[in-house]
Amino acid sequence: NIDKFIVNKGISAIAETLEMVGIPLSKLVFSDSSTHIQAKSLLIPFPTGTTGNLPSWVCTFLREKFLKHKANIDSPTRLYISRSKPKYRIITNEENVIQCLLKFEFTPVWVEEHNFATQIALLSNAEVVVAFHGTGLTNLIWF
């Protein structure tokens, strides 16, 4: 029985995903670098694998818990995950890339503009995804 969950302030997907697995918002404590907490006991999770090399059970668990929460939307089946909004690792000729992909009926998407349920729907409904390196590729687990 866990009394409270300490989560990063400012990352809306954290609260959204925890609520999807049955953890109510009332159990969340939002923290930042200035937060100090005193606890009788503390449980700290650790990574289950190295970046890009997760055990298969992790993917199975995540898909079982979250795919059922995907948004009910009509989404394109050919996606281009844009990198135009972040301030780093941008694609200098991205407009040219998009124009080329439009000829093949790709739809540009900015995953950071969508809530988690919509991100799941976009990627799980896709047949083809074109993307460059970035955190948006985390959503390939739903593909």
C-alpha atoms as a PDB file:
ATOM      1  CA  ASN A   1       0.000   0.000   0.000  1.00  0.00           C
ATOM      2  CA  ILE A   2       1.711   3.166  -1.197  1.00  0.00           C
ATOM      3  CA  ASP A   3       0.657   6.425   0.448  1.00  0.00           C
ATOM      4  CA  LYS A   4       2.117   8.876  -2.066  1.00  0.00           C
ATOM      5  CA  PHE A   5       3.952   8.891  -5.383  1.00  0.00           C
ATOM      6  CA  ILE A   6       6.616  11.562  -5.908  1.00  0.00           C
ATOM      7  CA  VAL A   7       6.594  12.647  -9.566  1.00  0.00           C
ATOM      8  CA  ASN A   8       8.286  15.347 -11.601  1.00  0.00           C
ATOM      9  CA  LYS A   9       6.434  18.650 -11.765  1.00  0.00           C
ATOM     10  CA  GLY A  10       5.655  19.911 -15.248  1.00  0.00           C
ATOM     11  CA  ILE A  11       5.416  16.584 -17.096  1.00  0.00           C
ATOM     12  CA  SER A  12       1.696  16.115 -17.706  1.00  0.00           C
ATOM     13  CA  ALA A  13       2.096  12.603 -19.148  1.00  0.00           C
ATOM     14  CA  ILE A  14       3.197  11.294 -15.744  1.00  0.00           C
ATOM     15  CA  ALA A  15      -0.101  12.083 -14.033  1.00  0.00           C
ATOM     16  CA  GLU A  16      -2.052  10.986 -17.102  1.00  0.00           C
ATOM     17  CA  THR A  17      -0.354   7.580 -17.310  1.00  0.00           C
ATOM     18  CA  LEU A  18      -0.539   6.888 -13.570  1.00  0.00           C
ATOM     19  CA  GLU A  19      -4.241   7.682 -13.597  1.00  0.00           C
ATOM     20  CA  MET A  20      -4.686   5.209 -16.491  1.00  0.00           C
ATOM     21  CA  VAL A  21      -3.284   2.421 -14.311  1.00  0.00           C
ATOM     22  CA  GLY A  22      -5.518   3.307 -11.370  1.00  0.00           C
ATOM     23  CA  ILE A  23      -3.375   5.636  -9.290  1.00  0.00           C
ATOM     24  CA  PRO A  24      -5.532   8.651  -8.323  1.00  0.00           C
ATOM     25  CA  LEU A  25      -4.206  12.189  -8.626  1.00  0.00           C
ATOM     26  CA  SER A  26      -4.741  12.607  -4.867  1.00  0.00           C
ATOM     27  CA  LYS A  27      -1.801  10.224  -4.279  1.00  0.00           C
ATOM     28  CA  LEU A  28       0.640  12.292  -6.366  1.00  0.00           C
ATOM     29  CA  VAL A  29       3.130  14.760  -4.940  1.00  0.00           C
ATOM     30  CA  PHE A  30       4.627  16.941  -7.661  1.00  0.00           C
ATOM     31  CA  SER A  31       8.261  17.788  -7.037  1.00  0.00           C
ATOM     32  CA  ASP A  32      11.089  19.760  -8.547  1.00  0.00           C
ATOM     33  CA  SER A  33      14.720  20.324  -7.608  1.00  0.00           C
ATOM     34  CA  SER A  34      13.715  22.419  -4.569  1.00  0.00           C
ATOM     35  CA  THR A  35      11.346  19.832  -3.074  1.00  0.00           C
ATOM     36  CA  HIS A  36      12.402  18.208   0.208  1.00  0.00           C
ATOM     37  CA  ILE A  37      10.605  15.148   1.515  1.00  0.00           C
ATOM     38  CA  GLN A  38      10.950  13.222   4.756  1.00  0.00           C
ATOM     39  CA  ALA A  39       9.628   9.662   4.724  1.00  0.00           C
ATOM     40  CA  LYS A  40       9.682   6.683   7.084  1.00  0.00           C
ATOM     41  CA  SER A  41      10.278   4.385   4.131  1.00  0.00           C
ATOM     42  CA  LEU A  42      10.958   5.069   0.495  1.00  0.00           C
ATOM     43  CA  LEU A  43      10.652   2.819  -2.539  1.00  0.00           C
ATOM     44  CA  ILE A  44      12.724   3.926  -5.527  1.00  0.00           C
ATOM     45  CA  PRO A  45      12.199   2.211  -8.903  1.00  0.00           C
ATOM     46  CA  PHE A  46      15.167   1.480 -11.107  1.00  0.00           C
ATOM     47  CA  PRO A  47      15.469   1.088 -14.876  1.00  0.00           C
ATOM     48  CA  THR A  48      14.617  -2.397 -16.134  1.00  0.00           C
ATOM     49  CA  GLY A  49      17.182  -2.373 -18.923  1.00  0.00           C
ATOM     50  CA  THR A  50      19.513  -0.170 -20.883  1.00  0.00           C
ATOM     51  CA  THR A  51      18.286   2.517 -23.247  1.00  0.00           C
ATOM     52  CA  GLY A  52      17.114   0.893 -26.444  1.00  0.00           C
ATOM     53  CA  ASN A  53      17.405  -2.606 -24.998  1.00  0.00           C
ATOM     54  CA  LEU A  54      14.385  -3.251 -22.791  1.00  0.00           C
ATOM     55  CA  PRO A  55      13.333  -6.760 -21.821  1.00  0.00           C
ATOM     56  CA  SER A  56      10.342  -7.960 -23.866  1.00  0.00           C
ATOM     57  CA  TRP A  57       8.168  -8.236 -20.734  1.00  0.00           C
ATOM     58  CA  VAL A  58       8.376  -4.442 -20.302  1.00  0.00           C
ATOM     59  CA  CYS A  59       6.894  -3.830 -23.750  1.00  0.00           C
ATOM     60  CA  THR A  60       4.215  -6.472 -23.165  1.00  0.00           C
ATOM     61  CA  PHE A  61       3.306  -4.922 -19.793  1.00  0.00           C
ATOM     62  CA  LEU A  62       3.088  -1.390 -21.209  1.00  0.00           C
ATOM     63  CA  ARG A  63       1.005  -2.482 -24.193  1.00  0.00           C
ATOM     64  CA  GLU A  64      -1.394  -4.436 -21.918  1.00  0.00           C
ATOM     65  CA  LYS A  65      -1.825  -1.499 -19.544  1.00  0.00           C
ATOM     66  CA  PHE A  66      -2.083   1.400 -21.995  1.00  0.00           C
ATOM     67  CA  LEU A  67      -3.375   0.326 -25.428  1.00  0.00           C
ATOM     68  CA  LYS A  68      -6.876  -0.015 -23.997  1.00  0.00           C
ATOM     69  CA  HIS A  69      -6.756   3.696 -23.091  1.00  0.00           C
ATOM     70  CA  LYS A  70      -5.975   4.980 -26.579  1.00  0.00           C
ATOM     71  CA  ALA A  71      -8.122   7.826 -27.847  1.00  0.00           C
ATOM     72  CA  ASN A  72     -10.956   6.986 -30.201  1.00  0.00           C
ATOM     73  CA  ILE A  73      -9.862   9.085 -33.178  1.00  0.00           C
ATOM     74  CA  ASP A  74      -9.559   8.766 -36.908  1.00  0.00           C
ATOM     75  CA  SER A  75      -5.846   9.034 -37.495  1.00  0.00           C
ATOM     76  CA  PRO A  76      -3.679   8.926 -40.578  1.00  0.00           C
ATOM     77  CA  THR A  77      -1.864   5.684 -41.333  1.00  0.00           C
ATOM     78  CA  ARG A  78       1.299   7.332 -42.702  1.00  0.00           C
ATOM     79  CA  LEU A  79       2.948   9.560 -40.133  1.00  0.00           C
ATOM     80  CA  TYR A  80       5.925  11.858 -40.152  1.00  0.00           C
ATOM     81  CA  ILE A  81       6.939  12.769 -36.603  1.00  0.00           C
ATOM     82  CA  SER A  82       8.141  16.353 -36.855  1.00  0.00           C
ATOM     83  CA  ARG A  83      11.153  17.762 -35.011  1.00  0.00           C
ATOM     84  CA  SER A  84      10.323  21.426 -35.687  1.00  0.00           C
ATOM     85  CA  LYS A  85       9.140  22.351 -32.176  1.00  0.00           C
ATOM     86  CA  PRO A  86      12.072  21.283 -29.961  1.00  0.00           C
ATOM     87  CA  LYS A  87      15.017  23.670 -29.720  1.00  0.00           C
ATOM     88  CA  TYR A  88      17.614  20.937 -30.216  1.00  0.00           C
ATOM     89  CA  ARG A  89      18.265  18.234 -32.815  1.00  0.00           C
ATOM     90  CA  ILE A  90      16.163  20.073 -35.348  1.00  0.00           C
ATOM     91  CA  ILE A  91      16.082  19.099 -39.012  1.00  0.00           C
ATOM     92  CA  THR A  92      17.403  22.111 -40.930  1.00  0.00           C
ATOM     93  CA  ASN A  93      15.557  21.208 -44.139  1.00  0.00           C
ATOM     94  CA  GLU A  94      12.464  19.761 -42.500  1.00  0.00           C
ATOM     95  CA  GLU A  95      10.086  21.752 -44.713  1.00  0.00           C
ATOM     96  CA  ASN A  96      11.669  20.054 -47.751  1.00  0.00           C
ATOM     97  CA  VAL A  97      11.331  16.658 -46.059  1.00  0.00           C
ATOM     98  CA  ILE A  98       7.653  17.297 -45.335  1.00  0.00           C
ATOM     99  CA  GLN A  99       6.977  18.438 -48.905  1.00  0.00           C
ATOM    100  CA  CYS A 100       8.565  15.246 -50.214  1.00  0.00           C
ATOM    101  CA  LEU A 101       6.590  13.027 -47.804  1.00  0.00           C
ATOM    102  CA  LEU A 102       3.303  14.762 -48.629  1.00  0.00           C
ATOM    103  CA  LYS A 103       3.646  13.343 -52.143  1.00  0.00           C
ATOM    104  CA  PHE A 104       3.439   9.894 -50.556  1.00  0.00           C
ATOM    105  CA  GLU A 105       0.419  10.810 -48.409  1.00  0.00           C
ATOM    106  CA  PHE A 106       2.298  11.218 -45.127  1.00  0.00           C
ATOM    107  CA  THR A 107       0.826  13.465 -42.454  1.00  0.00           C
ATOM    108  CA  PRO A 108       3.172  15.491 -40.248  1.00  0.00           C
ATOM    109  CA  VAL A 109       2.407  15.201 -36.528  1.00  0.00           C
ATOM    110  CA  TRP A 110       3.853  16.922 -33.489  1.00  0.00           C
ATOM    111  CA  VAL A 111       3.512  14.383 -30.697  1.00  0.00           C
ATOM    112  CA  GLU A 112       4.194  16.984 -28.012  1.00  0.00           C
ATOM    113  CA  GLU A 113       0.893  18.685 -28.956  1.00  0.00           C
ATOM    114  CA  HIS A 114      -1.156  15.603 -28.043  1.00  0.00           C
ATOM    115  CA  ASN A 115      -2.087  13.990 -24.766  1.00  0.00           C
ATOM    116  CA  PHE A 116      -0.856  10.490 -24.064  1.00  0.00           C
ATOM    117  CA  ALA A 117      -4.074   8.726 -25.134  1.00  0.00           C
ATOM    118  CA  THR A 118      -3.940  10.456 -28.524  1.00  0.00           C
ATOM    119  CA  GLN A 119      -0.241   9.650 -28.950  1.00  0.00           C
ATOM    120  CA  ILE A 120      -1.068   5.977 -28.369  1.00  0.00           C
ATOM    121  CA  ALA A 121      -3.863   6.137 -30.961  1.00  0.00           C
ATOM    122  CA  LEU A 122      -1.718   7.883 -33.556  1.00  0.00           C
ATOM    123  CA  LEU A 123       1.084   5.331 -33.407  1.00  0.00           C
ATOM    124  CA  SER A 124      -1.026   2.220 -32.891  1.00  0.00           C
ATOM    125  CA  ASN A 125      -3.131   3.082 -35.962  1.00  0.00           C
ATOM    126  CA  ALA A 126      -0.108   3.830 -38.165  1.00  0.00           C
ATOM    127  CA  GLU A 127       1.087   1.569 -40.954  1.00  0.00           C
ATOM    128  CA  VAL A 128       4.276   3.539 -41.678  1.00  0.00           C
ATOM    129  CA  VAL A 129       6.190   5.994 -39.473  1.00  0.00           C
ATOM    130  CA  VAL A 130       9.016   8.265 -40.611  1.00  0.00           C
ATOM    131  CA  ALA A 131      10.940  10.010 -37.857  1.00  0.00           C
ATOM    132  CA  PHE A 132      14.329  11.249 -36.851  1.00  0.00           C
ATOM    133  CA  HIS A 133      16.003  10.617 -33.524  1.00  0.00           C
ATOM    134  CA  GLY A 134      14.133  12.038 -30.540  1.00  0.00           C
ATOM    135  CA  THR A 135      11.808  11.280 -27.655  1.00  0.00           C
ATOM    136  CA  GLY A 136       8.830  11.050 -30.018  1.00  0.00           C
ATOM    137  CA  LEU A 137      10.178   7.643 -31.021  1.00  0.00           C
ATOM    138  CA  THR A 138       9.366   6.320 -27.572  1.00  0.00           C
ATOM    139  CA  ASN A 139       5.834   6.026 -28.885  1.00  0.00           C
ATOM    140  CA  LEU A 140       6.942   3.346 -31.358  1.00  0.00           C
ATOM    141  CA  ILE A 141       6.039   0.875 -28.637  1.00  0.00           C
ATOM    142  CA  TRP A 142       2.400   1.367 -29.751  1.00  0.00           C
ATOM    143  CA  PHE A 143       3.235   0.723 -33.439  1.00  0.00           C
END
